[in-house]
Amino acid sequence: MNHHSSFSSLKSYLNALRDTPSRLVRAGSVSTTFDETSRVRLRYGGTMRKTLRWYDLICFGVGGMVGAGVFVTTGKATHDKAGPAVVLSYAIAGFCALLSAFCYTEFAVHMPVAGGAFSYIRVTFGEFMAFITGANLIMDYVFSNAAVARSLTTYLGTAIGVSAWRITIASMPKGFNEIDFIAVVVIIILTLIICYSTRESSVLNMLLTGLHILFIMFVIIMGFTRGDSKNFTKPADPTHPSGFFPFGAAGVFNGATLVYLSYIGYDAVSTLAEEVKNPVLDIPIGVTGSVIIVTVLYCLMATSMSMLLPYDMINPEAPFSGAFVGKSNRWNWVSNVIGVGASFGILTSLLVAMLGQARYLCVIGRSNIVPAWFAKVHPKTSTPVNASAFLGIFTAAIALFTELDVLLNLVSIGTLFVFYMVANAVIYRRYVSVETRSPWPTLSFLICFSCTSVMFTLLWWLVPPGKPKFAVLAACLLVVNGLAVVFNYAVPEARKPEFWGVPLMPWIPCVSIFLNIFLMGNLDGPSYARFGFFSAVAVVVYLVYSVHASFDAEEKGTGTLESRIKESIELGVVTPKVQI
C-alpha cells in the first residue's frame, strides 16, 4: 500500500490535521531496544565511532559537573541556608545525584545509545512523554550553555583584570542590550571541535579538567592552610546563630536543594554511551565514579571555605575569591588565580553539555518526531554534525545578547524533571512486561508514591515549624515507606538486568523519586513558568508536526510494526557483550 507524506502538499497536510485524533494513538507507542540500538542508527548514517573508555567518561562527568556553579552556589548555600554545615548539604546532594546516576547507568548499559533520557523514556512510557521530556531538556541545555558562555567573559575579566568586554547598545531593552562576542567565539570554537571528533573532544576535556582540578586543589589547600577551625562554630557577629548547624537540620536540607544544581551534568555522560568501547564495564565506572569524585571535591571545597571565614562574612556571589580580597595586597592575587580556575571549569562544563545536547537532538531525529536531518551522522567524523552545528549556532545567538539573569530563570526544572522520569522508568521497566502482566499495579504505585512525595514537599515549605509540622511530615514518610514495602512484596520483578542493574530495587529509585520531587519544590516561580511554557509549545509542535511525521514513518515500514516482529530476537541481537 502506497502512502503519501502528510507534508507532500497543503491538501495532504490539511487531511493529516483532520486525522490528528485517530493518529494520536501513536502518543503512547513504545519503542524497543532493537529500535534504539540498531535499526534506526543504520538508517540514518551508521553508528558513531566507539572510542571512549571508563576514564574518558569519568573526565567527561567531572568536567560536566565541576563548572563555575560551585564557585557561586557554595557561598549562597553557606551564607543564607546551612552555615558551616554546607559540607553535609553537599554530601546529601551528592547522594541524591548518585541514586539518579544508578538509574541512568542501568538503562545505558542495557541500551547504549546517544539518546540518553529521551531513549529511556521512549522505550518505557512512549513517544509523547519522550518528546516532552526531550524538548524541555534541549531547551535547558541551550539556555544554560548560553548562560555559562557569558559567565566565561566575567571570569576571564577577573583573571586578567579587564572587565569591559561587552558592548552596550542603549536602544535595546535591558537584559538584552549587552553584546558578548567572547561568548559567541567560544561556542563556535567548541562546536567545531565536537563536530570534528569525539576522541579529540575527550583529549581536550581531559586537559582542561586536569588543569581545573589543579586549581580546585589550590583552593582547598589555601583554605586548610590559611583557615581557622573556630570558624566552624563562631560567626563574626555574636547576634547571629552560632554552632555548626546555625540554621538547624532544615537549613542543611535547604542548602542541599541549592547546591544540587552543581551536580547537574553527569546525565550528559549517558548520551556518550553509543561511543563507549565496553558499555558493561565502562559506563558504570564512568558515571558513578565521576559523581563520587565530584562529591568528595565539593565537600573539601565547602570545608575549605568554611575555615577561611565565618559563615556570616562569606560573600554569596564570590565566596572563594572574596575570602582573599581586602585581607592584604599580598593575597589579592589569589582571586585572579581562582578566576583562571573557574574559566577552565566553564570550558569543560560547556564542552560536555554541548556534546550531550547534540546527541539528544540526533536521537530525537532518528525517531522521526523532528526532521530526520538532525539524525545524520557524518561518515568521516562519526559525529552528529548537523545537530551539533544547529544547536551551536542557536546557543551562540542567544549568548550574544541575552543577560545571565534572564537565562538562569529559564533553567533547572527540566533537568530535575528528567531525573524524576528516569527513576520512574527504571521501576516501570523492571516490574512491567506488557505481554504477560498488567501495568496498572506498578503505575498505581508510582502515582501514589509521587503524590505523597509532593504532599510532603508542600508541607515542608508551607507549614510553619513546630510539633504539628513534624508529626504531619513523619506521617507522610510512613506512608511513603509503607507504599514501597507493599509494592516490593506484592509485585514481583518482570525482568532482571543481564549485566548491570540498580541494586536494592525498588528502594533506590524510590528515594531518587522522592528527593527529586523535594528538590523541585525549592525552585522559583519563573522555573515553573518556563517549564509550562515550553511544555505547551512542545505539545503544539507534536500535534502539528511530530505525530504526523512519526505516522508517515510507520506507514513506510520504518515504525513500530517492524520492531515488534523483531522483538523476539531482541536480547540475542542487541545486548552488549563484555569485552576482556
Protein backbone atom coordinates (compact mmCIF):
# COMPACT_ATOMS: atom_id res chain seq x y z
CA MET A 1 0.00 0.00 0.00
CA ASN A 2 1.45 3.36 -1.06
CA HIS A 3 1.34 6.14 1.48
CA HIS A 4 1.83 9.77 0.58
CA SER A 5 3.65 12.02 3.01
CA SER A 6 1.49 14.20 5.22
CA PHE A 7 3.68 17.11 4.16
CA SER A 8 3.77 16.49 0.39
CA SER A 9 1.16 19.18 -0.30
CA LEU A 10 -1.14 21.59 1.51
CA LYS A 11 -4.10 19.29 0.84
CA SER A 12 -2.23 16.29 2.32
CA TYR A 13 -1.30 18.29 5.39
CA LEU A 14 -4.86 19.52 5.96
CA ASN A 15 -6.08 15.93 5.65
CA ALA A 16 -3.43 14.88 8.16
CA LEU A 17 -4.56 17.56 10.61
CA ARG A 18 -8.12 16.31 10.23
CA ASP A 19 -6.93 12.81 11.13
CA THR A 20 -4.98 14.00 14.19
CA PRO A 21 -7.36 12.45 16.77
CA SER A 22 -7.00 8.98 15.24
CA ARG A 23 -3.23 9.37 14.87
CA LEU A 24 -2.79 10.34 18.50
CA VAL A 25 -2.82 6.66 19.41
CA ARG A 26 0.87 6.93 18.49
CA ALA A 27 1.44 9.14 21.54
CA GLY A 28 1.66 6.04 23.72
CA SER A 29 3.56 3.91 21.23
CA VAL A 30 6.57 2.36 22.93
CA SER A 31 9.85 1.83 21.12
CA THR A 32 12.03 -1.23 21.65
CA THR A 33 15.65 -1.76 22.50
CA PHE A 34 16.21 -3.10 18.99
CA ASP A 35 14.79 0.15 17.58
CA GLU A 36 17.07 2.32 19.65
CA THR A 37 20.29 0.35 19.39
CA SER A 38 20.38 -1.00 15.85
CA ARG A 39 17.84 -0.31 13.15
CA VAL A 40 17.39 3.45 13.31
CA ARG A 41 21.11 4.10 13.65
CA LEU A 42 21.89 2.27 10.43
CA ARG A 43 19.07 4.02 8.61
CA TYR A 44 20.48 7.47 9.43
CA GLY A 45 24.12 7.24 8.53
CA GLY A 46 25.51 4.40 10.62
CA THR A 47 26.90 4.34 14.11
CA MET A 48 29.17 6.70 15.95
CA ARG A 49 32.75 5.51 16.38
CA LYS A 50 33.43 3.63 19.63
CA THR A 51 36.49 5.35 21.04
CA LEU A 52 35.73 6.08 24.72
CA ARG A 53 36.73 4.13 27.83
CA TRP A 54 35.82 4.50 31.51
CA TYR A 55 38.50 7.11 32.19
CA ASP A 56 37.14 9.25 29.35
CA LEU A 57 33.67 9.05 30.89
CA ILE A 58 34.97 9.97 34.35
CA CYS A 59 36.70 13.02 32.90
CA PHE A 60 33.58 13.98 30.95
CA GLY A 61 31.47 13.55 34.10
CA VAL A 62 33.83 15.56 36.31
CA GLY A 63 34.25 18.21 33.61
CA GLY A 64 30.50 18.45 33.09
CA MET A 65 29.72 18.90 36.78
CA VAL A 66 32.60 20.95 38.19
CA GLY A 67 31.89 24.19 36.36
CA ALA A 68 31.64 27.73 37.60
CA GLY A 69 28.44 26.94 39.51
CA VAL A 70 30.22 25.62 42.59
CA PHE A 71 32.05 28.94 42.96
CA VAL A 72 28.67 30.66 43.37
CA THR A 73 26.26 28.15 44.92
CA THR A 74 28.62 27.36 47.80
CA GLY A 75 28.53 30.94 49.01
CA LYS A 76 24.75 31.30 48.81
CA ALA A 77 24.14 27.94 50.48
CA THR A 78 26.59 28.73 53.32
CA HIS A 79 25.61 32.33 53.99
CA ASP A 80 21.83 32.01 53.63
CA LYS A 81 20.91 28.34 54.19
CA ALA A 82 23.20 25.95 56.05
CA GLY A 83 26.18 27.79 57.53
CA PRO A 84 29.29 25.61 58.06
CA ALA A 85 27.07 22.52 57.75
CA VAL A 86 27.04 23.18 53.99
CA VAL A 87 29.53 20.28 53.77
CA LEU A 88 26.66 17.99 54.79
CA SER A 89 24.43 19.71 52.21
CA TYR A 90 26.93 18.74 49.52
CA ALA A 91 27.09 15.18 50.85
CA ILE A 92 23.28 14.86 50.74
CA ALA A 93 23.09 16.37 47.25
CA GLY A 94 25.86 14.03 46.10
CA PHE A 95 23.97 11.04 47.50
CA CYS A 96 20.87 12.15 45.58
CA ALA A 97 22.92 12.53 42.39
CA LEU A 98 24.42 9.06 42.89
CA LEU A 99 20.95 7.48 43.14
CA SER A 100 19.93 9.13 39.86
CA ALA A 101 23.24 8.04 38.32
CA PHE A 102 22.42 4.40 39.20
CA CYS A 103 19.12 4.71 37.31
CA TYR A 104 20.84 6.20 34.26
CA THR A 105 23.51 3.51 34.35
CA GLU A 106 21.08 0.59 34.20
CA PHE A 107 19.49 1.97 31.05
CA ALA A 108 22.81 3.00 29.47
CA VAL A 109 24.34 -0.48 29.91
CA HIS A 110 21.30 -2.27 28.52
CA MET A 111 20.74 0.27 25.75
CA PRO A 112 24.00 2.05 24.86
CA VAL A 113 22.65 4.78 22.57
CA ALA A 114 23.20 8.51 22.28
CA GLY A 115 19.62 9.38 23.22
CA GLY A 116 20.12 9.25 26.96
CA ALA A 117 16.93 10.01 28.91
CA PHE A 118 14.91 10.52 25.71
CA SER A 119 15.51 6.93 24.61
CA TYR A 120 14.99 5.54 28.12
CA ILE A 121 11.58 7.18 28.44
CA ARG A 122 10.59 6.32 24.86
CA VAL A 123 11.03 2.58 25.46
CA THR A 124 9.13 2.86 28.74
CA PHE A 125 6.37 5.49 28.62
CA GLY A 126 6.05 6.06 24.89
CA GLU A 127 6.66 8.63 22.19
CA PHE A 128 4.75 11.63 23.57
CA MET A 129 6.29 11.66 27.05
CA ALA A 130 9.73 11.16 25.50
CA PHE A 131 9.16 14.13 23.18
CA ILE A 132 8.01 16.44 26.01
CA THR A 133 10.97 15.37 28.11
CA GLY A 134 13.49 15.73 25.29
CA ALA A 135 12.19 19.12 24.18
CA ASN A 136 12.47 20.59 27.67
CA LEU A 137 15.89 19.06 28.20
CA ILE A 138 17.29 20.50 24.97
CA MET A 139 15.95 23.96 25.80
CA ASP A 140 17.54 23.69 29.26
CA TYR A 141 20.84 22.77 27.63
CA VAL A 142 20.70 25.66 25.17
CA PHE A 143 19.83 28.29 27.76
CA SER A 144 22.26 27.02 30.39
CA ASN A 145 25.08 26.75 27.84
CA ALA A 146 24.42 30.33 26.73
CA ALA A 147 24.49 31.44 30.38
CA VAL A 148 27.71 29.54 31.06
CA ALA A 149 29.37 31.00 27.96
CA ARG A 150 28.50 34.55 29.05
CA SER A 151 29.84 33.87 32.54
CA LEU A 152 33.17 32.93 30.95
CA THR A 153 33.60 36.54 29.91
CA THR A 154 33.12 37.65 33.52
CA TYR A 155 35.61 35.15 34.96
CA LEU A 156 38.20 35.89 32.29
CA GLY A 157 37.88 39.55 33.18
CA THR A 158 38.50 38.66 36.84
CA ALA A 159 41.53 36.58 35.91
CA ILE A 160 43.30 39.26 33.86
CA GLY A 161 41.82 42.41 35.35
CA VAL A 162 39.76 43.53 32.32
CA SER A 163 36.01 43.93 32.83
CA ALA A 164 34.66 45.96 29.90
CA TRP A 165 34.50 43.24 27.23
CA ARG A 166 30.83 43.63 26.35
CA ILE A 167 29.33 46.26 24.05
CA THR A 168 26.25 48.06 25.40
CA ILE A 169 23.54 49.12 22.92
CA ALA A 170 21.27 51.68 24.57
CA SER A 171 18.40 51.25 22.07
CA MET A 172 17.82 47.62 23.07
CA PRO A 173 15.75 46.61 26.16
CA LYS A 174 17.53 46.00 29.46
CA GLY A 175 18.65 42.38 29.83
CA PHE A 176 19.25 42.11 26.08
CA ASN A 177 21.42 45.15 25.42
CA GLU A 178 24.95 43.90 26.25
CA ILE A 179 26.56 42.20 23.26
CA ASP A 180 29.06 39.47 24.20
CA PHE A 181 31.25 38.44 21.26
CA ILE A 182 33.64 36.46 23.51
CA ALA A 183 30.84 34.04 24.40
CA VAL A 184 29.94 33.60 20.73
CA VAL A 185 33.54 32.89 19.70
CA VAL A 186 33.96 30.30 22.48
CA ILE A 187 30.74 28.48 21.50
CA ILE A 188 31.71 28.41 17.81
CA ILE A 189 35.19 27.04 18.57
CA LEU A 190 33.80 24.30 20.81
CA THR A 191 31.14 23.47 18.19
CA LEU A 192 33.85 22.96 15.56
CA ILE A 193 35.80 20.71 17.95
CA ILE A 194 32.84 18.45 18.79
CA CYS A 195 31.89 18.26 15.11
CA TYR A 196 35.41 17.17 14.22
CA SER A 197 35.87 14.25 16.62
CA THR A 198 34.62 12.88 19.93
CA ARG A 199 38.09 11.44 20.60
CA GLU A 200 39.76 14.85 20.22
CA SER A 201 36.97 16.39 22.32
CA SER A 202 37.81 13.88 25.05
CA VAL A 203 41.51 14.75 24.93
CA LEU A 204 40.72 18.47 25.20
CA ASN A 205 38.31 17.78 28.05
CA MET A 206 40.94 15.74 29.90
CA LEU A 207 43.45 18.57 29.57
CA LEU A 208 41.03 21.28 30.73
CA THR A 209 39.62 19.11 33.51
CA GLY A 210 43.13 18.30 34.76
CA LEU A 211 44.00 22.00 34.91
CA HIS A 212 40.72 22.78 36.63
CA ILE A 213 41.30 20.09 39.28
CA LEU A 214 44.70 21.62 39.99
CA PHE A 215 43.04 24.98 40.65
CA ILE A 216 40.44 23.32 42.88
CA MET A 217 43.18 21.62 44.87
CA PHE A 218 44.86 25.02 45.17
CA VAL A 219 41.64 26.48 46.64
CA ILE A 220 41.32 23.54 49.07
CA ILE A 221 44.94 23.80 50.22
CA MET A 222 44.66 27.56 50.71
CA GLY A 223 41.59 27.05 52.87
CA PHE A 224 43.15 24.37 55.04
CA THR A 225 46.43 26.27 55.48
CA ARG A 226 45.08 29.82 55.79
CA GLY A 227 41.80 29.00 57.55
CA ASP A 228 40.84 28.59 61.19
CA SER A 229 38.75 25.72 62.56
CA LYS A 230 36.95 28.05 65.01
CA ASN A 231 35.05 29.48 62.03
CA PHE A 232 33.07 26.22 62.00
CA THR A 233 31.18 27.25 65.13
CA LYS A 234 31.63 31.02 65.71
CA PRO A 235 30.00 33.67 63.50
CA ALA A 236 31.60 37.08 63.09
CA ASP A 237 28.51 38.77 64.59
CA PRO A 238 27.65 37.26 68.01
CA THR A 239 23.97 38.13 67.47
CA HIS A 240 23.78 35.68 64.54
CA PRO A 241 23.02 31.98 65.17
CA SER A 242 26.16 30.06 66.15
CA GLY A 243 27.35 26.47 66.05
CA PHE A 244 27.99 24.05 63.22
CA PHE A 245 24.23 23.96 62.49
CA PRO A 246 23.22 27.62 62.81
CA PHE A 247 20.02 27.07 60.82
CA GLY A 248 19.28 23.56 62.07
CA ALA A 249 18.55 20.42 60.07
CA ALA A 250 16.12 22.32 57.83
CA GLY A 251 18.98 24.60 56.79
CA VAL A 252 21.10 21.60 55.77
CA PHE A 253 18.37 20.25 53.51
CA ASN A 254 17.57 23.71 52.14
CA GLY A 255 21.25 24.09 51.31
CA ALA A 256 21.22 20.70 49.60
CA THR A 257 18.43 21.84 47.26
CA LEU A 258 20.56 24.80 46.22
CA VAL A 259 23.93 23.07 45.78
CA TYR A 260 22.36 20.10 43.94
CA LEU A 261 22.39 22.24 40.82
CA SER A 262 26.20 21.99 40.95
CA TYR A 263 25.88 18.25 40.21
CA ILE A 264 23.83 18.64 37.05
CA GLY A 265 25.97 17.49 34.13
CA TYR A 266 26.58 13.80 34.76
CA ASP A 267 23.47 12.96 32.71
CA ALA A 268 25.31 14.17 29.60
CA VAL A 269 27.70 11.23 30.06
CA SER A 270 24.87 8.79 29.29
CA THR A 271 24.48 10.39 25.84
CA LEU A 272 28.02 9.22 25.04
CA ALA A 273 27.10 5.55 25.64
CA GLU A 274 26.94 4.85 21.90
CA GLU A 275 30.63 5.78 21.60
CA VAL A 276 31.86 3.62 24.50
CA LYS A 277 34.01 0.58 23.69
CA ASN A 278 32.77 -1.64 26.50
CA PRO A 279 29.45 -0.36 27.90
CA VAL A 280 29.06 -3.09 30.53
CA LEU A 281 32.32 -2.16 32.27
CA ASP A 282 32.96 1.44 31.27
CA ILE A 283 29.55 3.07 31.84
CA PRO A 284 29.01 2.04 35.50
CA ILE A 285 32.57 3.06 36.40
CA GLY A 286 32.41 6.29 34.41
CA VAL A 287 29.02 7.59 35.59
CA THR A 288 29.09 6.58 39.26
CA GLY A 289 32.83 7.21 39.59
CA SER A 290 32.52 10.79 38.36
CA VAL A 291 29.67 11.54 40.82
CA ILE A 292 31.67 10.15 43.75
CA ILE A 293 34.83 12.08 42.81
CA VAL A 294 32.91 15.33 42.42
CA THR A 295 31.12 14.83 45.75
CA VAL A 296 34.47 14.46 47.53
CA LEU A 297 35.86 17.57 45.81
CA TYR A 298 32.78 19.63 46.66
CA CYS A 299 32.84 18.58 50.32
CA LEU A 300 36.52 19.51 50.57
CA MET A 301 35.87 22.88 48.89
CA ALA A 302 32.96 23.59 51.25
CA THR A 303 35.12 22.70 54.27
CA SER A 304 37.94 24.90 52.98
CA MET A 305 35.65 27.90 52.52
CA SER A 306 34.06 27.48 55.97
CA MET A 307 37.55 27.58 57.51
CA LEU A 308 38.54 30.74 55.64
CA LEU A 309 35.72 32.93 57.01
CA PRO A 310 32.81 32.79 59.46
CA TYR A 311 29.66 31.90 57.52
CA ASP A 312 28.07 35.35 58.02
CA MET A 313 31.06 37.09 56.38
CA ILE A 314 31.11 34.96 53.23
CA ASN A 315 30.27 36.80 50.01
CA PRO A 316 27.33 34.87 48.47
CA GLU A 317 28.28 35.94 44.94
CA ALA A 318 32.05 35.26 45.09
CA PRO A 319 32.78 33.17 48.18
CA PHE A 320 36.29 31.93 47.36
CA SER A 321 37.81 34.95 45.65
CA GLY A 322 36.03 37.26 48.11
CA ALA A 323 37.68 35.49 51.03
CA PHE A 324 41.06 36.92 49.97
CA VAL A 325 40.11 40.33 48.57
CA GLY A 326 40.80 43.01 51.15
CA LYS A 327 42.83 40.85 53.53
CA SER A 328 46.09 42.33 52.31
CA ASN A 329 47.57 43.23 48.96
CA ARG A 330 49.82 40.20 49.01
CA TRP A 331 46.77 37.87 48.91
CA ASN A 332 44.73 39.66 46.21
CA TRP A 333 46.46 37.57 43.52
CA VAL A 334 44.56 34.53 44.81
CA SER A 335 41.29 35.93 43.44
CA ASN A 336 42.91 36.18 39.99
CA VAL A 337 44.04 32.55 40.22
CA ILE A 338 40.51 31.49 41.20
CA GLY A 339 39.18 33.39 38.17
CA VAL A 340 41.50 31.38 35.92
CA GLY A 341 40.40 28.11 37.53
CA ALA A 342 36.73 28.96 37.16
CA SER A 343 37.35 29.76 33.47
CA PHE A 344 38.72 26.25 32.88
CA GLY A 345 35.70 24.85 34.71
CA ILE A 346 33.37 26.80 32.47
CA LEU A 347 35.07 25.48 29.33
CA THR A 348 34.87 21.84 30.46
CA SER A 349 31.23 22.02 31.55
CA LEU A 350 30.34 23.82 28.31
CA LEU A 351 32.15 21.23 26.17
CA VAL A 352 30.41 18.27 27.85
CA ALA A 353 26.99 19.93 27.76
CA MET A 354 27.34 20.75 24.05
CA LEU A 355 28.32 17.14 23.33
CA GLY A 356 25.25 15.97 25.23
CA GLN A 357 22.71 18.33 23.67
CA ALA A 358 23.75 17.38 20.14
CA ARG A 359 23.35 13.68 20.83
CA TYR A 360 19.92 14.20 22.35
CA LEU A 361 18.76 16.03 19.22
CA CYS A 362 20.37 13.41 16.97
CA VAL A 363 18.39 10.57 18.52
CA ILE A 364 15.17 12.59 18.58
CA GLY A 365 15.73 12.99 14.84
CA ARG A 366 16.12 9.21 14.48
CA SER A 367 12.65 8.78 15.97
CA ASN A 368 11.17 10.92 13.15
CA ILE A 369 9.39 13.32 15.53
CA VAL A 370 11.73 16.12 14.43
CA PRO A 371 13.23 16.35 10.92
CA ALA A 372 15.50 13.38 10.18
CA TRP A 373 18.17 15.85 9.01
CA PHE A 374 19.23 16.16 12.65
CA ALA A 375 19.88 12.41 12.86
CA LYS A 376 22.63 12.30 10.24
CA VAL A 377 26.00 11.05 11.46
CA HIS A 378 28.89 12.22 9.29
CA PRO A 379 30.64 9.23 7.68
CA LYS A 380 34.15 10.67 8.18
CA THR A 381 33.94 12.20 11.66
CA SER A 382 31.34 9.74 13.05
CA THR A 383 29.72 12.65 14.91
CA PRO A 384 26.20 14.17 14.65
CA VAL A 385 27.42 17.17 12.68
CA ASN A 386 24.02 18.59 11.73
CA ALA A 387 22.64 18.55 15.28
CA SER A 388 25.91 19.91 16.69
CA ALA A 389 26.09 22.78 14.19
CA PHE A 390 22.42 23.76 14.54
CA LEU A 391 22.47 23.84 18.35
CA GLY A 392 25.86 25.57 18.38
CA ILE A 393 24.53 28.41 16.20
CA PHE A 394 21.31 28.59 18.25
CA THR A 395 23.22 28.75 21.53
CA ALA A 396 25.66 31.37 20.19
CA ALA A 397 22.78 33.57 19.00
CA ILE A 398 21.19 33.54 22.47
CA ALA A 399 24.52 34.07 24.26
CA LEU A 400 25.27 37.07 22.05
CA PHE A 401 22.74 39.42 23.66
CA THR A 402 20.79 37.72 26.48
CA GLU A 403 21.82 38.58 30.04
CA LEU A 404 22.72 35.94 32.62
CA ASP A 405 19.82 36.74 34.97
CA VAL A 406 17.30 36.27 32.18
CA LEU A 407 18.78 32.91 31.20
CA LEU A 408 19.12 31.49 34.71
CA ASN A 409 15.38 31.90 35.31
CA LEU A 410 14.83 29.50 32.40
CA VAL A 411 17.00 26.64 33.66
CA SER A 412 16.91 23.77 36.19
CA ILE A 413 13.41 22.34 36.45
CA GLY A 414 13.68 20.47 33.13
CA THR A 415 16.74 18.56 34.27
CA LEU A 416 15.24 17.64 37.65
CA PHE A 417 12.06 16.55 35.87
CA VAL A 418 14.09 14.26 33.61
CA PHE A 419 15.88 12.71 36.62
CA TYR A 420 12.45 12.09 38.16
CA MET A 421 11.14 10.49 34.96
CA VAL A 422 14.17 8.19 34.56
CA ALA A 423 13.78 6.91 38.15
CA ASN A 424 10.11 6.12 37.42
CA ALA A 425 11.08 4.47 34.14
CA VAL A 426 13.57 2.13 35.85
CA ILE A 427 10.88 0.83 38.20
CA TYR A 428 8.31 0.50 35.42
CA ARG A 429 10.66 -1.37 33.11
CA ARG A 430 11.77 -3.79 35.87
CA TYR A 431 8.26 -4.63 37.08
CA VAL A 432 6.11 -4.45 33.93
CA SER A 433 6.04 -6.78 30.97
CA VAL A 434 3.12 -5.73 28.77
CA GLU A 435 2.84 -9.16 27.14
CA THR A 436 2.39 -11.06 30.40
CA ARG A 437 1.46 -8.61 33.15
CA SER A 438 -0.85 -5.62 33.64
CA PRO A 439 0.99 -2.32 34.12
CA TRP A 440 -1.65 -0.88 36.46
CA PRO A 441 -0.29 -2.13 39.81
CA THR A 442 3.07 -0.51 39.04
CA LEU A 443 1.53 2.67 37.61
CA SER A 444 -0.77 2.97 40.63
CA PHE A 445 2.19 2.65 42.97
CA LEU A 446 4.23 5.26 41.08
CA ILE A 447 1.34 7.74 41.05
CA CYS A 448 0.56 7.27 44.77
CA PHE A 449 4.26 7.49 45.69
CA SER A 450 4.72 10.72 43.71
CA CYS A 451 1.55 12.30 45.14
CA THR A 452 2.64 11.55 48.70
CA SER A 453 6.11 12.95 47.97
CA VAL A 454 4.53 16.14 46.58
CA MET A 455 2.39 16.41 49.72
CA PHE A 456 5.48 16.06 51.93
CA THR A 457 7.28 18.75 49.91
CA LEU A 458 4.38 21.22 50.13
CA LEU A 459 4.09 20.69 53.88
CA TRP A 460 7.86 21.14 54.31
CA TRP A 461 7.82 24.55 52.65
CA LEU A 462 4.39 25.92 53.61
CA VAL A 463 3.73 24.79 57.19
CA PRO A 464 5.46 26.82 59.95
CA PRO A 465 7.93 24.97 62.22
CA GLY A 466 6.62 23.17 65.28
CA LYS A 467 5.43 19.83 66.60
CA PRO A 468 2.33 19.66 64.33
CA LYS A 469 4.55 20.06 61.26
CA PHE A 470 6.91 17.34 62.48
CA ALA A 471 4.01 14.96 63.08
CA VAL A 472 2.49 15.51 59.65
CA LEU A 473 5.84 15.12 57.89
CA ALA A 474 6.53 11.92 59.83
CA ALA A 475 3.12 10.60 58.77
CA CYS A 476 3.92 11.32 55.12
CA LEU A 477 7.24 9.50 55.41
CA LEU A 478 5.48 6.50 56.97
CA VAL A 479 3.01 6.42 54.08
CA VAL A 480 5.82 6.66 51.52
CA ASN A 481 7.73 3.81 53.15
CA GLY A 482 4.56 1.75 53.54
CA LEU A 483 3.76 2.11 49.84
CA ALA A 484 7.26 0.93 48.90
CA VAL A 485 7.09 -2.05 51.29
CA VAL A 486 3.68 -3.20 50.00
CA PHE A 487 4.76 -2.82 46.38
CA ASN A 488 8.02 -4.68 47.00
CA TYR A 489 6.20 -7.73 48.39
CA ALA A 490 3.06 -7.63 46.22
CA VAL A 491 4.58 -7.11 42.75
CA PRO A 492 7.48 -9.36 41.63
CA GLU A 493 10.03 -8.14 39.08
CA ALA A 494 9.15 -8.94 35.47
CA ARG A 495 12.71 -8.85 34.16
CA LYS A 496 16.20 -8.97 35.58
CA PRO A 497 19.09 -6.97 34.05
CA GLU A 498 21.51 -9.28 32.29
CA PHE A 499 24.66 -7.26 33.02
CA TRP A 500 24.20 -4.35 35.42
CA GLY A 501 21.16 -3.19 37.35
CA VAL A 502 20.21 -0.76 40.09
CA PRO A 503 20.77 -2.53 43.43
CA LEU A 504 18.15 -2.71 46.20
CA MET A 505 15.15 -2.41 43.90
CA PRO A 506 12.79 -0.61 44.24
CA TRP A 507 14.26 1.35 47.15
CA ILE A 508 17.00 3.31 45.36
CA PRO A 509 14.76 4.61 42.52
CA CYS A 510 12.04 5.39 45.10
CA VAL A 511 14.43 7.51 47.15
CA SER A 512 15.55 9.21 43.92
CA ILE A 513 11.92 10.00 43.02
CA PHE A 514 11.28 11.41 46.49
CA LEU A 515 14.43 13.56 46.55
CA ASN A 516 13.93 14.95 43.04
CA ILE A 517 10.37 15.99 43.89
CA PHE A 518 11.63 17.54 47.10
CA LEU A 519 14.36 19.45 45.25
CA MET A 520 11.91 20.69 42.62
CA GLY A 521 9.92 22.20 45.48
CA ASN A 522 12.78 24.67 46.05
CA LEU A 523 12.64 26.14 42.55
CA ASP A 524 11.14 29.56 41.94
CA GLY A 525 8.05 30.61 40.00
CA PRO A 526 9.85 31.53 36.76
CA SER A 527 11.26 27.99 36.57
CA TYR A 528 7.75 26.53 36.62
CA ALA A 529 6.53 29.19 34.19
CA ARG A 530 9.32 28.24 31.78
CA PHE A 531 8.54 24.56 32.16
CA GLY A 532 4.84 25.15 31.49
CA PHE A 533 5.51 27.43 28.51
CA PHE A 534 7.96 25.16 26.73
CA SER A 535 5.89 22.08 27.52
CA ALA A 536 2.90 23.80 25.92
CA VAL A 537 5.00 24.72 22.87
CA ALA A 538 6.22 21.11 22.66
CA VAL A 539 2.62 19.83 22.76
CA VAL A 540 1.68 22.14 19.87
CA VAL A 541 4.71 21.04 17.83
CA TYR A 542 3.84 17.41 18.50
CA LEU A 543 0.24 17.92 17.32
CA VAL A 544 1.04 19.90 14.16
CA TYR A 545 4.20 18.08 13.07
CA SER A 546 5.67 15.24 15.13
CA VAL A 547 2.71 12.85 15.32
CA HIS A 548 2.22 13.09 11.53
CA ALA A 549 5.91 12.62 10.71
CA SER A 550 6.01 9.62 13.03
CA PHE A 551 2.82 8.23 11.44
CA ASP A 552 4.35 8.58 7.97
CA ALA A 553 7.47 6.73 9.08
CA GLU A 554 5.42 3.83 10.43
CA GLU A 555 3.32 3.63 7.26
CA LYS A 556 6.51 3.37 5.22
CA GLY A 557 7.58 0.36 7.25
CA THR A 558 10.09 2.10 9.49
CA GLY A 559 7.95 2.41 12.60
CA THR A 560 6.91 0.12 15.37
CA LEU A 561 5.49 -2.73 13.26
CA GLU A 562 8.89 -3.91 12.07
CA SER A 563 10.40 -3.61 15.53
CA ARG A 564 7.62 -5.72 17.04
CA ILE A 565 8.33 -8.50 14.56
CA LYS A 566 11.96 -8.48 15.66
CA GLU A 567 11.20 -8.15 19.37
CA SER A 568 11.58 -11.89 19.81
CA ILE A 569 15.26 -11.72 18.88
CA GLU A 570 15.95 -8.51 20.76
CA LEU A 571 18.03 -9.86 23.63
CA GLY A 572 20.15 -12.07 21.44
CA VAL A 573 20.96 -9.31 18.98
CA VAL A 574 21.47 -6.06 20.77
CA THR A 575 22.53 -6.72 24.34
CA PRO A 576 26.08 -5.52 24.95
CA LYS A 577 28.84 -8.05 25.27
CA VAL A 578 31.56 -7.94 27.89
CA GLN A 579 34.98 -7.40 26.38
CA ILE A 580 38.03 -8.78 28.09
